[in-house]
Amino acid sequence: MKRFYRRKLVQKGMGKAKVAAARKLGIRLWIMMRDQIDYEEFCRRGQLRQKGKAQTGMPDFNMVLRCSDRRLNKLPASPKREGSLNNTRDRR
């Protein structure tokens, strides 16, 4: 989620990045409640689904669910907002 948020922050700005991350989290929670599963089971199903796509020859667009905290520690530092480049008010 942290990597997703940072990517959206660079692409779309802070407001849209927060909404996108909240939506993604909400969808994950809804699926877990609907199926009455815990997060480990949710991750396991996501990994199985990705393996199934790889076996059928469908392209892998790096959409594997990141369930390991180890990968979060390897993320680059958060992007710095410079001047008016990321400020939508100055673009008008």
N, C-alpha and C. Protein backbone atom coordinates (compact mmCIF):
# COMPACT_ATOMS: atom_id res chain seq x y z
N MET A 1 0.82 -1.19 0.00
CA MET A 1 0.00 0.00 0.00
C MET A 1 0.87 1.26 0.00
N LYS A 2 1.98 1.21 0.71
CA LYS A 2 2.84 2.38 0.78
C LYS A 2 3.42 2.70 -0.60
N ARG A 3 3.84 1.67 -1.31
CA ARG A 3 4.40 1.88 -2.64
C ARG A 3 3.32 2.39 -3.60
N PHE A 4 2.13 1.84 -3.51
CA PHE A 4 1.01 2.29 -4.33
C PHE A 4 0.73 3.77 -4.06
N TYR A 5 0.67 4.14 -2.77
CA TYR A 5 0.40 5.53 -2.42
C TYR A 5 1.48 6.47 -2.96
N ARG A 6 2.72 6.09 -2.81
CA ARG A 6 3.80 6.94 -3.30
C ARG A 6 3.76 7.11 -4.81
N ARG A 7 3.45 6.04 -5.51
CA ARG A 7 3.34 6.12 -6.98
C ARG A 7 2.22 7.07 -7.38
N LYS A 8 1.07 6.96 -6.72
CA LYS A 8 -0.06 7.84 -7.02
C LYS A 8 0.24 9.28 -6.61
N LEU A 9 1.00 9.46 -5.53
CA LEU A 9 1.36 10.79 -5.08
C LEU A 9 2.14 11.52 -6.16
N VAL A 10 3.07 10.82 -6.78
CA VAL A 10 3.87 11.42 -7.85
C VAL A 10 3.00 11.67 -9.08
N GLN A 11 2.14 10.71 -9.40
CA GLN A 11 1.33 10.82 -10.61
C GLN A 11 0.21 11.85 -10.50
N LYS A 12 -0.51 11.86 -9.38
CA LYS A 12 -1.76 12.60 -9.30
C LYS A 12 -1.81 13.69 -8.24
N GLY A 13 -0.92 13.67 -7.27
CA GLY A 13 -0.98 14.65 -6.20
C GLY A 13 -1.52 14.04 -4.92
N MET A 14 -1.44 14.81 -3.85
CA MET A 14 -1.74 14.28 -2.53
C MET A 14 -3.21 13.89 -2.34
N GLY A 15 -4.13 14.74 -2.75
CA GLY A 15 -5.55 14.46 -2.53
C GLY A 15 -6.00 13.20 -3.23
N LYS A 16 -5.67 13.08 -4.51
CA LYS A 16 -6.09 11.91 -5.27
C LYS A 16 -5.37 10.65 -4.81
N ALA A 17 -4.12 10.79 -4.37
CA ALA A 17 -3.37 9.64 -3.87
C ALA A 17 -4.02 9.09 -2.60
N LYS A 18 -4.45 9.98 -1.72
CA LYS A 18 -5.11 9.54 -0.48
C LYS A 18 -6.41 8.82 -0.79
N VAL A 19 -7.19 9.37 -1.70
CA VAL A 19 -8.47 8.75 -2.05
C VAL A 19 -8.24 7.40 -2.71
N ALA A 20 -7.25 7.31 -3.60
CA ALA A 20 -6.96 6.04 -4.29
C ALA A 20 -6.52 4.97 -3.28
N ALA A 21 -5.67 5.35 -2.33
CA ALA A 21 -5.20 4.38 -1.32
C ALA A 21 -6.35 3.96 -0.41
N ALA A 22 -7.20 4.90 -0.03
CA ALA A 22 -8.35 4.57 0.82
C ALA A 22 -9.31 3.65 0.09
N ARG A 23 -9.52 3.91 -1.19
CA ARG A 23 -10.41 3.05 -1.99
C ARG A 23 -9.86 1.64 -2.09
N LYS A 24 -8.56 1.54 -2.36
CA LYS A 24 -7.92 0.22 -2.47
C LYS A 24 -8.03 -0.54 -1.14
N LEU A 25 -7.79 0.14 -0.03
CA LEU A 25 -7.90 -0.48 1.28
C LEU A 25 -9.35 -0.89 1.56
N GLY A 26 -10.29 -0.03 1.22
CA GLY A 26 -11.71 -0.35 1.41
C GLY A 26 -12.15 -1.57 0.62
N ILE A 27 -11.67 -1.69 -0.60
CA ILE A 27 -12.01 -2.86 -1.43
C ILE A 27 -11.44 -4.12 -0.81
N ARG A 28 -10.19 -4.05 -0.34
CA ARG A 28 -9.59 -5.22 0.32
C ARG A 28 -10.40 -5.62 1.56
N LEU A 29 -10.77 -4.64 2.36
CA LEU A 29 -11.56 -4.94 3.56
C LEU A 29 -12.91 -5.53 3.20
N TRP A 30 -13.56 -4.99 2.19
CA TRP A 30 -14.86 -5.49 1.76
C TRP A 30 -14.77 -6.95 1.31
N ILE A 31 -13.74 -7.28 0.53
CA ILE A 31 -13.55 -8.66 0.07
C ILE A 31 -13.31 -9.59 1.25
N MET A 32 -12.50 -9.14 2.23
CA MET A 32 -12.21 -9.98 3.39
C MET A 32 -13.46 -10.20 4.23
N MET A 33 -14.29 -9.17 4.37
CA MET A 33 -15.53 -9.32 5.13
C MET A 33 -16.53 -10.19 4.37
N ARG A 34 -16.63 -9.99 3.06
CA ARG A 34 -17.56 -10.75 2.24
C ARG A 34 -17.25 -12.25 2.31
N ASP A 35 -15.97 -12.58 2.18
CA ASP A 35 -15.55 -13.98 2.17
C ASP A 35 -15.22 -14.51 3.56
N GLN A 36 -15.26 -13.66 4.56
CA GLN A 36 -14.93 -14.00 5.94
C GLN A 36 -13.57 -14.68 6.05
N ILE A 37 -12.54 -13.97 5.55
CA ILE A 37 -11.17 -14.48 5.56
C ILE A 37 -10.28 -13.44 6.23
N ASP A 38 -9.09 -13.89 6.65
CA ASP A 38 -8.13 -12.95 7.22
C ASP A 38 -7.18 -12.47 6.12
N TYR A 39 -6.27 -11.58 6.48
CA TYR A 39 -5.40 -10.96 5.48
C TYR A 39 -4.44 -11.97 4.85
N GLU A 40 -3.95 -12.93 5.63
CA GLU A 40 -3.05 -13.94 5.08
C GLU A 40 -3.75 -14.74 3.98
N GLU A 41 -5.01 -15.10 4.21
CA GLU A 41 -5.78 -15.84 3.20
C GLU A 41 -6.02 -14.97 1.97
N PHE A 42 -6.29 -13.70 2.19
CA PHE A 42 -6.47 -12.76 1.08
C PHE A 42 -5.21 -12.72 0.21
N CYS A 43 -4.04 -12.61 0.85
CA CYS A 43 -2.77 -12.58 0.12
C CYS A 43 -2.51 -13.89 -0.60
N ARG A 44 -2.82 -15.00 0.07
CA ARG A 44 -2.61 -16.32 -0.55
C ARG A 44 -3.44 -16.44 -1.82
N ARG A 45 -4.70 -16.02 -1.76
CA ARG A 45 -5.57 -16.09 -2.93
C ARG A 45 -5.04 -15.21 -4.05
N GLY A 46 -4.53 -14.03 -3.71
CA GLY A 46 -3.97 -13.15 -4.72
C GLY A 46 -2.75 -13.76 -5.40
N GLN A 47 -1.90 -14.41 -4.61
CA GLN A 47 -0.72 -15.05 -5.18
C GLN A 47 -1.10 -16.23 -6.05
N LEU A 48 -2.10 -17.00 -5.63
CA LEU A 48 -2.56 -18.13 -6.45
C LEU A 48 -3.14 -17.63 -7.76
N ARG A 49 -3.87 -16.54 -7.70
CA ARG A 49 -4.47 -15.99 -8.91
C ARG A 49 -3.39 -15.53 -9.88
N GLN A 50 -2.33 -14.91 -9.36
CA GLN A 50 -1.23 -14.46 -10.21
C GLN A 50 -0.51 -15.65 -10.83
N LYS A 51 -0.32 -16.72 -10.07
CA LYS A 51 0.34 -17.90 -10.62
C LYS A 51 -0.51 -18.51 -11.72
N GLY A 52 -1.81 -18.50 -11.56
CA GLY A 52 -2.71 -19.02 -12.58
C GLY A 52 -2.63 -18.21 -13.86
N LYS A 53 -2.51 -16.89 -13.76
CA LYS A 53 -2.38 -16.04 -14.94
C LYS A 53 -1.05 -16.29 -15.63
N ALA A 54 0.01 -16.51 -14.85
CA ALA A 54 1.32 -16.76 -15.44
C ALA A 54 1.32 -18.08 -16.21
N GLN A 55 0.61 -19.07 -15.70
CA GLN A 55 0.56 -20.36 -16.37
C GLN A 55 -0.26 -20.32 -17.64
N THR A 56 -1.25 -19.45 -17.71
CA THR A 56 -2.09 -19.37 -18.90
C THR A 56 -1.49 -18.47 -19.96
N GLY A 57 -0.33 -17.88 -19.69
CA GLY A 57 0.32 -17.05 -20.68
C GLY A 57 -0.11 -15.59 -20.64
N MET A 58 -0.92 -15.21 -19.66
CA MET A 58 -1.32 -13.81 -19.56
C MET A 58 -0.15 -13.00 -19.02
N PRO A 59 0.01 -11.75 -19.47
CA PRO A 59 1.15 -10.95 -19.01
C PRO A 59 1.05 -10.61 -17.54
N ASP A 60 2.19 -10.56 -16.90
CA ASP A 60 2.25 -10.17 -15.50
C ASP A 60 2.66 -8.71 -15.43
N PHE A 61 1.78 -7.86 -14.97
CA PHE A 61 2.04 -6.43 -14.90
C PHE A 61 2.41 -6.02 -13.49
N ASN A 62 3.12 -6.89 -12.78
CA ASN A 62 3.60 -6.61 -11.43
C ASN A 62 2.45 -6.25 -10.50
N MET A 63 1.35 -7.01 -10.60
CA MET A 63 0.18 -6.75 -9.78
C MET A 63 0.08 -7.72 -8.61
N VAL A 64 1.17 -8.43 -8.33
CA VAL A 64 1.15 -9.38 -7.21
C VAL A 64 0.95 -8.61 -5.92
N LEU A 65 0.05 -9.08 -5.09
CA LEU A 65 -0.18 -8.40 -3.81
C LEU A 65 1.06 -8.48 -2.94
N ARG A 66 1.42 -7.35 -2.39
CA ARG A 66 2.60 -7.28 -1.54
C ARG A 66 2.18 -7.49 -0.09
N CYS A 67 2.44 -8.67 0.42
CA CYS A 67 2.01 -9.00 1.78
C CYS A 67 3.19 -9.01 2.76
N SER A 68 4.37 -8.85 2.25
CA SER A 68 5.54 -8.96 3.11
C SER A 68 6.01 -7.58 3.55
N ASP A 69 6.28 -7.42 4.83
CA ASP A 69 6.79 -6.16 5.33
C ASP A 69 8.23 -5.93 4.92
N ARG A 70 8.94 -6.99 4.53
CA ARG A 70 10.33 -6.84 4.11
C ARG A 70 10.44 -5.89 2.94
N ARG A 71 9.51 -5.98 2.00
CA ARG A 71 9.59 -5.15 0.80
C ARG A 71 9.33 -3.68 1.12
N LEU A 72 8.56 -3.41 2.15
CA LEU A 72 8.28 -2.02 2.51
C LEU A 72 9.54 -1.31 2.98
N ASN A 73 10.45 -2.06 3.58
CA ASN A 73 11.69 -1.45 4.07
C ASN A 73 12.63 -1.08 2.94
N LYS A 74 12.45 -1.65 1.75
CA LYS A 74 13.34 -1.40 0.63
C LYS A 74 12.82 -0.28 -0.27
N LEU A 75 11.72 0.35 0.09
CA LEU A 75 11.17 1.42 -0.74
C LEU A 75 12.05 2.66 -0.69
N PRO A 76 12.07 3.41 -1.80
CA PRO A 76 12.84 4.66 -1.77
C PRO A 76 12.18 5.68 -0.86
N ALA A 77 12.92 6.70 -0.52
CA ALA A 77 12.37 7.76 0.33
C ALA A 77 11.20 8.42 -0.37
N SER A 78 10.29 8.98 0.40
CA SER A 78 9.12 9.60 -0.19
C SER A 78 9.53 10.78 -1.06
N PRO A 79 8.82 10.98 -2.18
CA PRO A 79 9.19 12.06 -3.10
C PRO A 79 8.96 13.42 -2.46
N LYS A 80 9.84 14.35 -2.76
CA LYS A 80 9.71 15.69 -2.22
C LYS A 80 8.93 16.54 -3.22
N ARG A 81 8.04 17.32 -2.69
CA ARG A 81 7.25 18.21 -3.53
C ARG A 81 8.05 19.49 -3.73
N GLU A 82 8.31 19.82 -4.99
CA GLU A 82 9.14 20.98 -5.28
C GLU A 82 8.30 22.12 -5.84
N GLY A 83 8.40 23.25 -5.22
CA GLY A 83 7.81 24.47 -5.73
C GLY A 83 6.38 24.32 -6.19
N SER A 84 6.08 24.95 -7.31
CA SER A 84 4.71 24.96 -7.80
C SER A 84 4.45 23.85 -8.82
N LEU A 85 5.40 22.96 -9.06
CA LEU A 85 5.20 21.92 -10.06
C LEU A 85 4.06 20.99 -9.69
N ASN A 86 3.89 20.71 -8.41
CA ASN A 86 2.85 19.80 -7.98
C ASN A 86 1.64 20.53 -7.40
N ASN A 87 1.64 21.83 -7.45
CA ASN A 87 0.54 22.60 -6.89
C ASN A 87 -0.44 22.95 -8.00
N THR A 88 -1.64 22.40 -7.93
CA THR A 88 -2.60 22.58 -9.02
C THR A 88 -3.10 24.01 -9.11
N ARG A 89 -3.05 24.77 -8.03
CA ARG A 89 -3.53 26.15 -8.07
C ARG A 89 -2.64 27.01 -8.97
N ASP A 90 -1.33 26.71 -9.01
CA ASP A 90 -0.42 27.51 -9.82
C ASP A 90 -0.50 27.15 -11.29
N ARG A 91 -1.09 26.03 -11.64
CA ARG A 91 -1.16 25.61 -13.04
C ARG A 91 -2.23 26.36 -13.81
N ARG A 92 -3.20 26.96 -13.12
CA ARG A 92 -4.32 27.62 -13.81
C ARG A 92 -3.92 28.89 -14.47
